[in-house]
Amino acid sequence: PVWIELVDHVKRAYPPADQEWNFAGPKYGWAVKLRRAKRVILYLIPQAGLFLVGIVLGDKAVSAAKNADLPPDVVKALEQAPRYGEGTGLRLPISERSQLPTIHKLAALKMARP
């Protein structure tokens, strides 16, 4: 139910968002890309009893996230997240509905336009 709620939120907040299943190989398994046009908003990766949300934030979104009143564990994960050419990659485990507002906030930071 939490997965479905997150997918529905992204589709409402960033239309016309769609979802695409992708098999990344036996080591990583299946994942869903939630995207608007060619821009990936979130990755959802099923796990036993939970799912991971992956998000890649650009420099402006990372700076904004530091002042966004995020939970301390998310701030720490962001500070320790690997930096790639396309941005800072963050993966967060999601197991309950109470975690969704943080994901909504991160998605909004990513999708904000200057």
PDB file of N, CA and C in Angstrom:
ATOM      1  N   PRO A   1       0.809  -1.223   0.000  1.00  0.00           N
ATOM      2  CA  PRO A   1       0.000   0.000   0.000  1.00  0.00           C
ATOM      3  C   PRO A   1       0.849   1.283   0.000  1.00  0.00           C
ATOM      4  N   VAL A   2       1.985   1.256   0.692  1.00  0.00           N
ATOM      5  CA  VAL A   2       2.841   2.447   0.758  1.00  0.00           C
ATOM      6  C   VAL A   2       3.451   2.720  -0.612  1.00  0.00           C
ATOM      7  N   TRP A   3       3.860   1.675  -1.294  1.00  0.00           N
ATOM      8  CA  TRP A   3       4.403   1.804  -2.664  1.00  0.00           C
ATOM      9  C   TRP A   3       3.365   2.471  -3.564  1.00  0.00           C
ATOM     10  N   ILE A   4       2.149   1.947  -3.550  1.00  0.00           N
ATOM     11  CA  ILE A   4       1.073   2.475  -4.397  1.00  0.00           C
ATOM     12  C   ILE A   4       0.785   3.934  -4.058  1.00  0.00           C
ATOM     13  N   GLU A   5       0.764   4.253  -2.775  1.00  0.00           N
ATOM     14  CA  GLU A   5       0.521   5.629  -2.356  1.00  0.00           C
ATOM     15  C   GLU A   5       1.603   6.568  -2.888  1.00  0.00           C
ATOM     16  N   LEU A   6       2.861   6.133  -2.846  1.00  0.00           N
ATOM     17  CA  LEU A   6       3.951   6.967  -3.361  1.00  0.00           C
ATOM     18  C   LEU A   6       3.846   7.139  -4.874  1.00  0.00           C
ATOM     19  N   VAL A   7       3.583   6.069  -5.592  1.00  0.00           N
ATOM     20  CA  VAL A   7       3.428   6.158  -7.053  1.00  0.00           C
ATOM     21  C   VAL A   7       2.283   7.107  -7.398  1.00  0.00           C
ATOM     22  N   ASP A   8       1.163   6.978  -6.716  1.00  0.00           N
ATOM     23  CA  ASP A   8       0.016   7.863  -6.970  1.00  0.00           C
ATOM     24  C   ASP A   8       0.361   9.321  -6.696  1.00  0.00           C
ATOM     25  N   HIS A   9       1.087   9.571  -5.619  1.00  0.00           N
ATOM     26  CA  HIS A   9       1.494  10.946  -5.295  1.00  0.00           C
ATOM     27  C   HIS A   9       2.359  11.534  -6.409  1.00  0.00           C
ATOM     28  N   VAL A  10       3.344  10.779  -6.861  1.00  0.00           N
ATOM     29  CA  VAL A  10       4.242  11.277  -7.909  1.00  0.00           C
ATOM     30  C   VAL A  10       3.461  11.547  -9.191  1.00  0.00           C
ATOM     31  N   LYS A  11       2.552  10.662  -9.538  1.00  0.00           N
ATOM     32  CA  LYS A  11       1.753  10.868 -10.763  1.00  0.00           C
ATOM     33  C   LYS A  11       0.879  12.117 -10.662  1.00  0.00           C
ATOM     34  N   ARG A  12       0.347  12.404  -9.472  1.00  0.00           N
ATOM     35  CA  ARG A  12      -0.466  13.613  -9.291  1.00  0.00           C
ATOM     36  C   ARG A  12       0.390  14.874  -9.237  1.00  0.00           C
ATOM     37  N   ALA A  13       1.530  14.798  -8.567  1.00  0.00           N
ATOM     38  CA  ALA A  13       2.361  15.977  -8.338  1.00  0.00           C
ATOM     39  C   ALA A  13       3.167  16.394  -9.570  1.00  0.00           C
ATOM     40  N   TYR A  14       3.506  15.438 -10.438  1.00  0.00           N
ATOM     41  CA  TYR A  14       4.392  15.733 -11.569  1.00  0.00           C
ATOM     42  C   TYR A  14       3.844  15.153 -12.875  1.00  0.00           C
ATOM     43  N   PRO A  15       2.636  15.559 -13.256  1.00  0.00           N
ATOM     44  CA  PRO A  15       2.076  15.006 -14.484  1.00  0.00           C
ATOM     45  C   PRO A  15       2.834  15.505 -15.711  1.00  0.00           C
ATOM     46  N   PRO A  16       2.896  14.767 -16.741  1.00  0.00           N
ATOM     47  CA  PRO A  16       2.407  13.390 -16.882  1.00  0.00           C
ATOM     48  C   PRO A  16       3.488  12.390 -16.505  1.00  0.00           C
ATOM     49  N   ALA A  17       3.577  12.043 -15.235  1.00  0.00           N
ATOM     50  CA  ALA A  17       4.566  11.069 -14.770  1.00  0.00           C
ATOM     51  C   ALA A  17       4.109   9.659 -15.138  1.00  0.00           C
ATOM     52  N   ASP A  18       5.075   8.838 -15.479  1.00  0.00           N
ATOM     53  CA  ASP A  18       4.761   7.441 -15.770  1.00  0.00           C
ATOM     54  C   ASP A  18       5.761   6.552 -15.049  1.00  0.00           C
ATOM     55  N   GLN A  19       5.532   5.253 -15.137  1.00  0.00           N
ATOM     56  CA  GLN A  19       6.429   4.305 -14.485  1.00  0.00           C
ATOM     57  C   GLN A  19       6.908   3.281 -15.500  1.00  0.00           C
ATOM     58  N   GLU A  20       8.161   2.887 -15.335  1.00  0.00           N
ATOM     59  CA  GLU A  20       8.773   1.919 -16.241  1.00  0.00           C
ATOM     60  C   GLU A  20       9.553   0.907 -15.414  1.00  0.00           C
ATOM     61  N   TRP A  21       9.183  -0.370 -15.546  1.00  0.00           N
ATOM     62  CA  TRP A  21       9.929  -1.441 -14.883  1.00  0.00           C
ATOM     63  C   TRP A  21      11.202  -1.710 -15.665  1.00  0.00           C
ATOM     64  N   ASN A  22      12.283  -1.985 -14.933  1.00  0.00           N
ATOM     65  CA  ASN A  22      13.567  -2.237 -15.563  1.00  0.00           C
ATOM     66  C   ASN A  22      14.283  -3.339 -14.795  1.00  0.00           C
ATOM     67  N   PHE A  23      14.835  -4.313 -15.508  1.00  0.00           N
ATOM     68  CA  PHE A  23      15.620  -5.364 -14.866  1.00  0.00           C
ATOM     69  C   PHE A  23      17.089  -5.006 -15.011  1.00  0.00           C
ATOM     70  N   ALA A  24      17.749  -4.752 -13.878  1.00  0.00           N
ATOM     71  CA  ALA A  24      19.142  -4.295 -13.888  1.00  0.00           C
ATOM     72  C   ALA A  24      20.132  -5.443 -13.773  1.00  0.00           C
ATOM     73  N   GLY A  25      19.669  -6.669 -13.886  1.00  0.00           N
ATOM     74  CA  GLY A  25      20.552  -7.830 -13.803  1.00  0.00           C
ATOM     75  C   GLY A  25      20.359  -8.592 -12.507  1.00  0.00           C
ATOM     76  N   PRO A  26      20.923  -9.800 -12.438  1.00  0.00           N
ATOM     77  CA  PRO A  26      20.703 -10.652 -11.267  1.00  0.00           C
ATOM     78  C   PRO A  26      21.228 -10.057  -9.965  1.00  0.00           C
ATOM     79  N   LYS A  27      22.274  -9.252 -10.023  1.00  0.00           N
ATOM     80  CA  LYS A  27      22.826  -8.667  -8.805  1.00  0.00           C
ATOM     81  C   LYS A  27      21.883  -7.630  -8.197  1.00  0.00           C
ATOM     82  N   TYR A  28      21.180  -6.857  -9.043  1.00  0.00           N
ATOM     83  CA  TYR A  28      20.345  -5.759  -8.560  1.00  0.00           C
ATOM     84  C   TYR A  28      18.850  -6.032  -8.677  1.00  0.00           C
ATOM     85  N   GLY A  29      18.442  -6.883  -9.595  1.00  0.00           N
ATOM     86  CA  GLY A  29      17.032  -7.225  -9.737  1.00  0.00           C
ATOM     87  C   GLY A  29      16.214  -6.157 -10.445  1.00  0.00           C
ATOM     88  N   TRP A  30      14.930  -6.103 -10.097  1.00  0.00           N
ATOM     89  CA  TRP A  30      13.971  -5.220 -10.743  1.00  0.00           C
ATOM     90  C   TRP A  30      13.873  -3.880 -10.027  1.00  0.00           C
ATOM     91  N   ALA A  31      13.526  -2.854 -10.795  1.00  0.00           N
ATOM     92  CA  ALA A  31      13.288  -1.523 -10.226  1.00  0.00           C
ATOM     93  C   ALA A  31      12.281  -0.810 -11.112  1.00  0.00           C
ATOM     94  N   VAL A  32      11.618   0.158 -10.534  1.00  0.00           N
ATOM     95  CA  VAL A  32      10.680   1.003 -11.278  1.00  0.00           C
ATOM     96  C   VAL A  32      11.267   2.401 -11.344  1.00  0.00           C
ATOM     97  N   LYS A  33      11.245   2.972 -12.533  1.00  0.00           N
ATOM     98  CA  LYS A  33      11.606   4.381 -12.701  1.00  0.00           C
ATOM     99  C   LYS A  33      10.303   5.164 -12.762  1.00  0.00           C
ATOM    100  N   LEU A  34      10.155   6.139 -11.892  1.00  0.00           N
ATOM    101  CA  LEU A  34       9.042   7.078 -11.975  1.00  0.00           C
ATOM    102  C   LEU A  34       9.616   8.325 -12.627  1.00  0.00           C
ATOM    103  N   ARG A  35       9.064   8.689 -13.776  1.00  0.00           N
ATOM    104  CA  ARG A  35       9.659   9.798 -14.516  1.00  0.00           C
ATOM    105  C   ARG A  35       8.629  10.667 -15.201  1.00  0.00           C
ATOM    106  N   ARG A  36       9.066  11.873 -15.481  1.00  0.00           N
ATOM    107  CA  ARG A  36       8.278  12.799 -16.296  1.00  0.00           C
ATOM    108  C   ARG A  36       9.133  13.070 -17.522  1.00  0.00           C
ATOM    109  N   ALA A  37       8.606  12.676 -18.671  1.00  0.00           N
ATOM    110  CA  ALA A  37       9.349  12.727 -19.928  1.00  0.00           C
ATOM    111  C   ALA A  37      10.626  11.897 -19.738  1.00  0.00           C
ATOM    112  N   LYS A  38      11.771  12.475 -20.001  1.00  0.00           N
ATOM    113  CA  LYS A  38      13.023  11.726 -19.862  1.00  0.00           C
ATOM    114  C   LYS A  38      13.659  11.887 -18.486  1.00  0.00           C
ATOM    115  N   ARG A  39      13.076  12.709 -17.633  1.00  0.00           N
ATOM    116  CA  ARG A  39      13.656  12.998 -16.324  1.00  0.00           C
ATOM    117  C   ARG A  39      13.147  12.018 -15.270  1.00  0.00           C
ATOM    118  N   VAL A  40      14.062  11.254 -14.681  1.00  0.00           N
ATOM    119  CA  VAL A  40      13.688  10.306 -13.631  1.00  0.00           C
ATOM    120  C   VAL A  40      13.497  11.072 -12.322  1.00  0.00           C
ATOM    121  N   ILE A  41      12.338  10.873 -11.723  1.00  0.00           N
ATOM    122  CA  ILE A  41      12.027  11.518 -10.448  1.00  0.00           C
ATOM    123  C   ILE A  41      12.531  10.636  -9.308  1.00  0.00           C
ATOM    124  N   LEU A  42      12.098   9.388  -9.306  1.00  0.00           N
ATOM    125  CA  LEU A  42      12.476   8.427  -8.261  1.00  0.00           C
ATOM    126  C   LEU A  42      12.676   7.047  -8.869  1.00  0.00           C
ATOM    127  N   TYR A  43      13.477   6.255  -8.206  1.00  0.00           N
ATOM    128  CA  TYR A  43      13.595   4.827  -8.488  1.00  0.00           C
ATOM    129  C   TYR A  43      12.978   4.095  -7.299  1.00  0.00           C
ATOM    130  N   LEU A  44      12.193   3.068  -7.559  1.00  0.00           N
ATOM    131  CA  LEU A  44      11.629   2.228  -6.495  1.00  0.00           C
ATOM    132  C   LEU A  44      12.159   0.814  -6.693  1.00  0.00           C
ATOM    133  N   ILE A  45      12.767   0.272  -5.645  1.00  0.00           N
ATOM    134  CA  ILE A  45      13.426  -1.024  -5.730  1.00  0.00           C
ATOM    135  C   ILE A  45      12.812  -1.952  -4.682  1.00  0.00           C
ATOM    136  N   PRO A  46      12.062  -2.973  -5.110  1.00  0.00           N
ATOM    137  CA  PRO A  46      11.435  -3.880  -4.136  1.00  0.00           C
ATOM    138  C   PRO A  46      12.467  -4.677  -3.349  1.00  0.00           C
ATOM    139  N   GLN A  47      12.192  -4.857  -2.089  1.00  0.00           N
ATOM    140  CA  GLN A  47      13.007  -5.649  -1.164  1.00  0.00           C
ATOM    141  C   GLN A  47      12.046  -6.478  -0.315  1.00  0.00           C
ATOM    142  N   ALA A  48      12.577  -7.411   0.435  1.00  0.00           N
ATOM    143  CA  ALA A  48      11.733  -8.218   1.318  1.00  0.00           C
ATOM    144  C   ALA A  48      11.205  -7.338   2.457  1.00  0.00           C
ATOM    145  N   GLY A  49       9.888  -7.123   2.510  1.00  0.00           N
ATOM    146  CA  GLY A  49       9.251  -6.388   3.592  1.00  0.00           C
ATOM    147  C   GLY A  49       9.333  -4.872   3.505  1.00  0.00           C
ATOM    148  N   LEU A  50       9.991  -4.357   2.472  1.00  0.00           N
ATOM    149  CA  LEU A  50      10.114  -2.912   2.304  1.00  0.00           C
ATOM    150  C   LEU A  50      10.507  -2.625   0.861  1.00  0.00           C
ATOM    151  N   PHE A  51      10.773  -1.364   0.563  1.00  0.00           N
ATOM    152  CA  PHE A  51      11.350  -1.029  -0.737  1.00  0.00           C
ATOM    153  C   PHE A  51      12.320   0.119  -0.551  1.00  0.00           C
ATOM    154  N   LEU A  52      13.246   0.220  -1.469  1.00  0.00           N
ATOM    155  CA  LEU A  52      14.199   1.324  -1.454  1.00  0.00           C
ATOM    156  C   LEU A  52      13.718   2.394  -2.421  1.00  0.00           C
ATOM    157  N   VAL A  53      13.875   3.637  -2.027  1.00  0.00           N
ATOM    158  CA  VAL A  53      13.626   4.759  -2.919  1.00  0.00           C
ATOM    159  C   VAL A  53      14.986   5.342  -3.263  1.00  0.00           C
ATOM    160  N   GLY A  54      15.270   5.389  -4.545  1.00  0.00           N
ATOM    161  CA  GLY A  54      16.498   6.008  -5.012  1.00  0.00           C
ATOM    162  C   GLY A  54      16.181   7.349  -5.641  1.00  0.00           C
ATOM    163  N   ILE A  55      17.029   8.336  -5.373  1.00  0.00           N
ATOM    164  CA  ILE A  55      16.849   9.658  -5.960  1.00  0.00           C
ATOM    165  C   ILE A  55      18.239  10.241  -6.188  1.00  0.00           C
ATOM    166  N   VAL A  56      18.386  10.924  -7.309  1.00  0.00           N
ATOM    167  CA  VAL A  56      19.641  11.601  -7.618  1.00  0.00           C
ATOM    168  C   VAL A  56      19.351  13.096  -7.594  1.00  0.00           C
ATOM    169  N   LEU A  57      20.051  13.802  -6.708  1.00  0.00           N
ATOM    170  CA  LEU A  57      19.831  15.238  -6.531  1.00  0.00           C
ATOM    171  C   LEU A  57      21.002  16.026  -7.097  1.00  0.00           C
ATOM    172  N   GLY A  58      20.679  17.071  -7.827  1.00  0.00           N
ATOM    173  CA  GLY A  58      21.701  17.987  -8.307  1.00  0.00           C
ATOM    174  C   GLY A  58      22.210  18.851  -7.168  1.00  0.00           C
ATOM    175  N   ASP A  59      23.244  19.640  -7.454  1.00  0.00           N
ATOM    176  CA  ASP A  59      23.868  20.467  -6.420  1.00  0.00           C
ATOM    177  C   ASP A  59      22.889  21.423  -5.747  1.00  0.00           C
ATOM    178  N   LYS A  60      22.008  22.062  -6.525  1.00  0.00           N
ATOM    179  CA  LYS A  60      21.042  23.002  -5.938  1.00  0.00           C
ATOM    180  C   LYS A  60      20.068  22.289  -5.013  1.00  0.00           C
ATOM    181  N   ALA A  61      19.622  21.106  -5.418  1.00  0.00           N
ATOM    182  CA  ALA A  61      18.695  20.346  -4.580  1.00  0.00           C
ATOM    183  C   ALA A  61      19.377  19.866  -3.300  1.00  0.00           C
ATOM    184  N   VAL A  62      20.649  19.474  -3.392  1.00  0.00           N
ATOM    185  CA  VAL A  62      21.388  19.054  -2.189  1.00  0.00           C
ATOM    186  C   VAL A  62      21.523  20.229  -1.230  1.00  0.00           C
ATOM    187  N   SER A  63      21.855  21.398  -1.748  1.00  0.00           N
ATOM    188  CA  SER A  63      21.961  22.594  -0.901  1.00  0.00           C
ATOM    189  C   SER A  63      20.626  22.912  -0.245  1.00  0.00           C
ATOM    190  N   ALA A  64      19.552  22.842  -1.013  1.00  0.00           N
ATOM    191  CA  ALA A  64      18.219  23.117  -0.475  1.00  0.00           C
ATOM    192  C   ALA A  64      17.827  22.073   0.571  1.00  0.00           C
ATOM    193  N   ALA A  65      18.231  20.830   0.361  1.00  0.00           N
ATOM    194  CA  ALA A  65      17.881  19.758   1.300  1.00  0.00           C
ATOM    195  C   ALA A  65      18.498  19.991   2.679  1.00  0.00           C
ATOM    196  N   LYS A  66      19.654  20.626   2.710  1.00  0.00           N
ATOM    197  CA  LYS A  66      20.314  20.887   3.993  1.00  0.00           C
ATOM    198  C   LYS A  66      19.511  21.850   4.863  1.00  0.00           C
ATOM    199  N   ASN A  67      18.626  22.637   4.248  1.00  0.00           N
ATOM    200  CA  ASN A  67      17.785  23.590   4.979  1.00  0.00           C
ATOM    201  C   ASN A  67      16.310  23.199   4.930  1.00  0.00           C
ATOM    202  N   ALA A  68      16.010  21.953   4.626  1.00  0.00           N
ATOM    203  CA  ALA A  68      14.628  21.530   4.397  1.00  0.00           C
ATOM    204  C   ALA A  68      13.987  20.816   5.579  1.00  0.00           C
ATOM    205  N   ASP A  69      14.605  20.858   6.748  1.00  0.00           N
ATOM    206  CA  ASP A  69      14.037  20.222   7.933  1.00  0.00           C
ATOM    207  C   ASP A  69      13.754  18.733   7.707  1.00  0.00           C
ATOM    208  N   LEU A  70      14.751  18.040   7.180  1.00  0.00           N
ATOM    209  CA  LEU A  70      14.647  16.600   6.966  1.00  0.00           C
ATOM    210  C   LEU A  70      15.041  15.861   8.234  1.00  0.00           C
ATOM    211  N   PRO A  71      14.588  14.622   8.404  1.00  0.00           N
ATOM    212  CA  PRO A  71      14.993  13.837   9.579  1.00  0.00           C
ATOM    213  C   PRO A  71      16.521  13.678   9.619  1.00  0.00           C
ATOM    214  N   PRO A  72      17.095  13.648  10.823  1.00  0.00           N
ATOM    215  CA  PRO A  72      18.556  13.552  10.961  1.00  0.00           C
ATOM    216  C   PRO A  72      19.181  12.369  10.207  1.00  0.00           C
ATOM    217  N   ASP A  73      18.500  11.214  10.199  1.00  0.00           N
ATOM    218  CA  ASP A  73      19.072  10.064   9.502  1.00  0.00           C
ATOM    219  C   ASP A  73      19.131  10.289   7.997  1.00  0.00           C
ATOM    220  N   VAL A  74      18.188  11.043   7.455  1.00  0.00           N
ATOM    221  CA  VAL A  74      18.188  11.344   6.019  1.00  0.00           C
ATOM    222  C   VAL A  74      19.284  12.360   5.698  1.00  0.00           C
ATOM    223  N   VAL A  75      19.459  13.352   6.555  1.00  0.00           N
ATOM    224  CA  VAL A  75      20.540  14.332   6.372  1.00  0.00           C
ATOM    225  C   VAL A  75      21.889  13.619   6.389  1.00  0.00           C
ATOM    226  N   LYS A  76      22.067  12.705   7.338  1.00  0.00           N
ATOM    227  CA  LYS A  76      23.319  11.948   7.428  1.00  0.00           C
ATOM    228  C   LYS A  76      23.531  11.103   6.175  1.00  0.00           C
ATOM    229  N   ALA A  77      22.483  10.430   5.717  1.00  0.00           N
ATOM    230  CA  ALA A  77      22.588   9.613   4.508  1.00  0.00           C
ATOM    231  C   ALA A  77      22.950  10.479   3.299  1.00  0.00           C
ATOM    232  N   LEU A  78      22.387  11.665   3.224  1.00  0.00           N
ATOM    233  CA  LEU A  78      22.684  12.587   2.126  1.00  0.00           C
ATOM    234  C   LEU A  78      24.142  13.039   2.182  1.00  0.00           C
ATOM    235  N   GLU A  79      24.635  13.311   3.372  1.00  0.00           N
ATOM    236  CA  GLU A  79      26.031  13.727   3.524  1.00  0.00           C
ATOM    237  C   GLU A  79      27.000  12.613   3.136  1.00  0.00           C
ATOM    238  N   GLN A  80      26.593  11.372   3.326  1.00  0.00           N
ATOM    239  CA  GLN A  80      27.452  10.226   3.031  1.00  0.00           C
ATOM    240  C   GLN A  80      27.197   9.626   1.653  1.00  0.00           C
ATOM    241  N   ALA A  81      26.208  10.142   0.942  1.00  0.00           N
ATOM    242  CA  ALA A  81      25.822   9.575  -0.352  1.00  0.00           C
ATOM    243  C   ALA A  81      26.909   9.789  -1.398  1.00  0.00           C
ATOM    244  N   PRO A  82      27.058   8.833  -2.305  1.00  0.00           N
ATOM    245  CA  PRO A  82      28.062   8.984  -3.361  1.00  0.00           C
ATOM    246  C   PRO A  82      27.681  10.075  -4.361  1.00  0.00           C
ATOM    247  N   ARG A  83      28.696  10.723  -4.880  1.00  0.00           N
ATOM    248  CA  ARG A  83      28.506  11.787  -5.870  1.00  0.00           C
ATOM    249  C   ARG A  83      28.844  11.228  -7.243  1.00  0.00           C
ATOM    250  N   TYR A  84      27.929  11.393  -8.180  1.00  0.00           N
ATOM    251  CA  TYR A  84      28.107  10.950  -9.560  1.00  0.00           C
ATOM    252  C   TYR A  84      28.086  12.171 -10.469  1.00  0.00           C
ATOM    253  N   GLY A  85      28.362  11.963 -11.735  1.00  0.00           N
ATOM    254  CA  GLY A  85      28.323  13.053 -12.700  1.00  0.00           C
ATOM    255  C   GLY A  85      26.970  13.730 -12.765  1.00  0.00           C
ATOM    256  N   GLU A  86      25.899  12.945 -12.613  1.00  0.00           N
ATOM    257  CA  GLU A  86      24.547  13.509 -12.701  1.00  0.00           C
ATOM    258  C   GLU A  86      24.021  14.038 -11.372  1.00  0.00           C
ATOM    259  N   GLY A  87      24.761  13.816 -10.280  1.00  0.00           N
ATOM    260  CA  GLY A  87      24.338  14.343  -8.985  1.00  0.00           C
ATOM    261  C   GLY A  87      24.665  13.401  -7.842  1.00  0.00           C
ATOM    262  N   THR A  88      24.078  13.677  -6.703  1.00  0.00           N
ATOM    263  CA  THR A  88      24.287  12.885  -5.491  1.00  0.00           C
ATOM    264  C   THR A  88      23.197  11.822  -5.399  1.00  0.00           C
ATOM    265  N   GLY A  89      23.611  10.562  -5.338  1.00  0.00           N
ATOM    266  CA  GLY A  89      22.669   9.443  -5.324  1.00  0.00           C
ATOM    267  C   GLY A  89      22.339   9.001  -3.915  1.00  0.00           C
ATOM    268  N   LEU A  90      21.067   8.948  -3.604  1.00  0.00           N
ATOM    269  CA  LEU A  90      20.605   8.602  -2.270  1.00  0.00           C
ATOM    270  C   LEU A  90      19.605   7.455  -2.372  1.00  0.00           C
ATOM    271  N   ARG A  91      19.754   6.465  -1.513  1.00  0.00           N
ATOM    272  CA  ARG A  91      18.794   5.351  -1.418  1.00  0.00           C
ATOM    273  C   ARG A  91      18.314   5.273   0.019  1.00  0.00           C
ATOM    274  N   LEU A  92      17.003   5.268   0.163  1.00  0.00           N
ATOM    275  CA  LEU A  92      16.404   5.212   1.500  1.00  0.00           C
ATOM    276  C   LEU A  92      15.435   4.042   1.594  1.00  0.00           C
ATOM    277  N   PRO A  93      15.521   3.246   2.665  1.00  0.00           N
ATOM    278  CA  PRO A  93      14.555   2.163   2.858  1.00  0.00           C
ATOM    279  C   PRO A  93      13.217   2.725   3.341  1.00  0.00           C
ATOM    280  N   ILE A  94      12.142   2.239   2.737  1.00  0.00           N
ATOM    281  CA  ILE A  94      10.795   2.687   3.096  1.00  0.00           C
ATOM    282  C   ILE A  94       9.977   1.466   3.507  1.00  0.00           C
ATOM    283  N   SER A  95       9.453   1.514   4.707  1.00  0.00           N
ATOM    284  CA  SER A  95       8.646   0.388   5.189  1.00  0.00           C
ATOM    285  C   SER A  95       7.303   0.828   5.752  1.00  0.00           C
ATOM    286  N   GLU A  96       7.123   2.140   5.949  1.00  0.00           N
ATOM    287  CA  GLU A  96       5.848   2.598   6.506  1.00  0.00           C
ATOM    288  C   GLU A  96       5.450   3.965   5.943  1.00  0.00           C
ATOM    289  N   ARG A  97       4.178   4.213   5.977  1.00  0.00           N
ATOM    290  CA  ARG A  97       3.577   5.432   5.429  1.00  0.00           C
ATOM    291  C   ARG A  97       4.173   6.705   6.032  1.00  0.00           C
ATOM    292  N   SER A  98       4.555   6.662   7.291  1.00  0.00           N
ATOM    293  CA  SER A  98       5.076   7.852   7.976  1.00  0.00           C
ATOM    294  C   SER A  98       6.372   8.373   7.337  1.00  0.00           C
ATOM    295  N   GLN A  99       7.032   7.561   6.520  1.00  0.00           N
ATOM    296  CA  GLN A  99       8.272   7.974   5.851  1.00  0.00           C
ATOM    297  C   GLN A  99       8.012   8.731   4.543  1.00  0.00           C
ATOM    298  N   LEU A 100       6.805   8.671   4.041  1.00  0.00           N
ATOM    299  CA  LEU A 100       6.513   9.260   2.735  1.00  0.00           C
ATOM    300  C   LEU A 100       6.673  10.784   2.665  1.00  0.00           C
ATOM    301  N   PRO A 101       6.301  11.555   3.692  1.00  0.00           N
ATOM    302  CA  PRO A 101       6.500  13.003   3.570  1.00  0.00           C
ATOM    303  C   PRO A 101       7.946  13.399   3.282  1.00  0.00           C
ATOM    304  N   THR A 102       8.889  12.654   3.811  1.00  0.00           N
ATOM    305  CA  THR A 102      10.304  12.944   3.523  1.00  0.00           C
ATOM    306  C   THR A 102      10.605  12.706   2.050  1.00  0.00           C
ATOM    307  N   ILE A 103      10.084  11.633   1.489  1.00  0.00           N
ATOM    308  CA  ILE A 103      10.303  11.338   0.074  1.00  0.00           C
ATOM    309  C   ILE A 103       9.614  12.392  -0.791  1.00  0.00           C
ATOM    310  N   HIS A 104       8.416  12.806  -0.399  1.00  0.00           N
ATOM    311  CA  HIS A 104       7.712  13.867  -1.136  1.00  0.00           C
ATOM    312  C   HIS A 104       8.557  15.136  -1.158  1.00  0.00           C
ATOM    313  N   LYS A 105       9.152  15.473  -0.010  1.00  0.00           N
ATOM    314  CA  LYS A 105       9.965  16.688   0.094  1.00  0.00           C
ATOM    315  C   LYS A 105      11.210  16.587  -0.791  1.00  0.00           C
ATOM    316  N   LEU A 106      11.871  15.434  -0.776  1.00  0.00           N
ATOM    317  CA  LEU A 106      13.056  15.250  -1.621  1.00  0.00           C
ATOM    318  C   LEU A 106      12.696  15.326  -3.106  1.00  0.00           C
ATOM    319  N   ALA A 107      11.581  14.716  -3.481  1.00  0.00           N
ATOM    320  CA  ALA A 107      11.143  14.782  -4.882  1.00  0.00           C
ATOM    321  C   ALA A 107      10.842  16.228  -5.282  1.00  0.00           C
ATOM    322  N   ALA A 108      10.206  16.977  -4.384  1.00  0.00           N
ATOM    323  CA  ALA A 108       9.893  18.383  -4.677  1.00  0.00           C
ATOM    324  C   ALA A 108      11.168  19.210  -4.844  1.00  0.00           C
ATOM    325  N   LEU A 109      12.179  18.939  -4.030  1.00  0.00           N
ATOM    326  CA  LEU A 109      13.455  19.636  -4.162  1.00  0.00           C
ATOM    327  C   LEU A 109      14.107  19.314  -5.495  1.00  0.00           C
ATOM    328  N   LYS A 110      14.047  18.054  -5.882  1.00  0.00           N
ATOM    329  CA  LYS A 110      14.621  17.639  -7.163  1.00  0.00           C
ATOM    330  C   LYS A 110      13.905  18.299  -8.336  1.00  0.00           C
ATOM    331  N   MET A 111      12.592  18.369  -8.260  1.00  0.00           N
ATOM    332  CA  MET A 111      11.805  18.834  -9.399  1.00  0.00           C
ATOM    333  C   MET A 111      11.627  20.346  -9.422  1.00  0.00           C
ATOM    334  N   ALA A 112      12.081  21.051  -8.381  1.00  0.00           N
ATOM    335  CA  ALA A 112      11.932  22.513  -8.335  1.00  0.00           C
ATOM    336  C   ALA A 112      12.738  23.155  -9.454  1.00  0.00           C
ATOM    337  N   ARG A 113      12.176  24.172 -10.021  1.00  0.00           N
ATOM    338  CA  ARG A 113      12.858  24.938 -11.069  1.00  0.00           C
ATOM    339  C   ARG A 113      13.307  26.259 -10.480  1.00  0.00           C
ATOM    340  N   PRO A 114      14.512  26.726 -10.835  1.00  0.00           N
ATOM    341  CA  PRO A 114      14.981  28.010 -10.303  1.00  0.00           C
ATOM    342  C   PRO A 114      14.131  29.183 -10.764  1.00  0.00           C
TER     343      PRO A 114
END
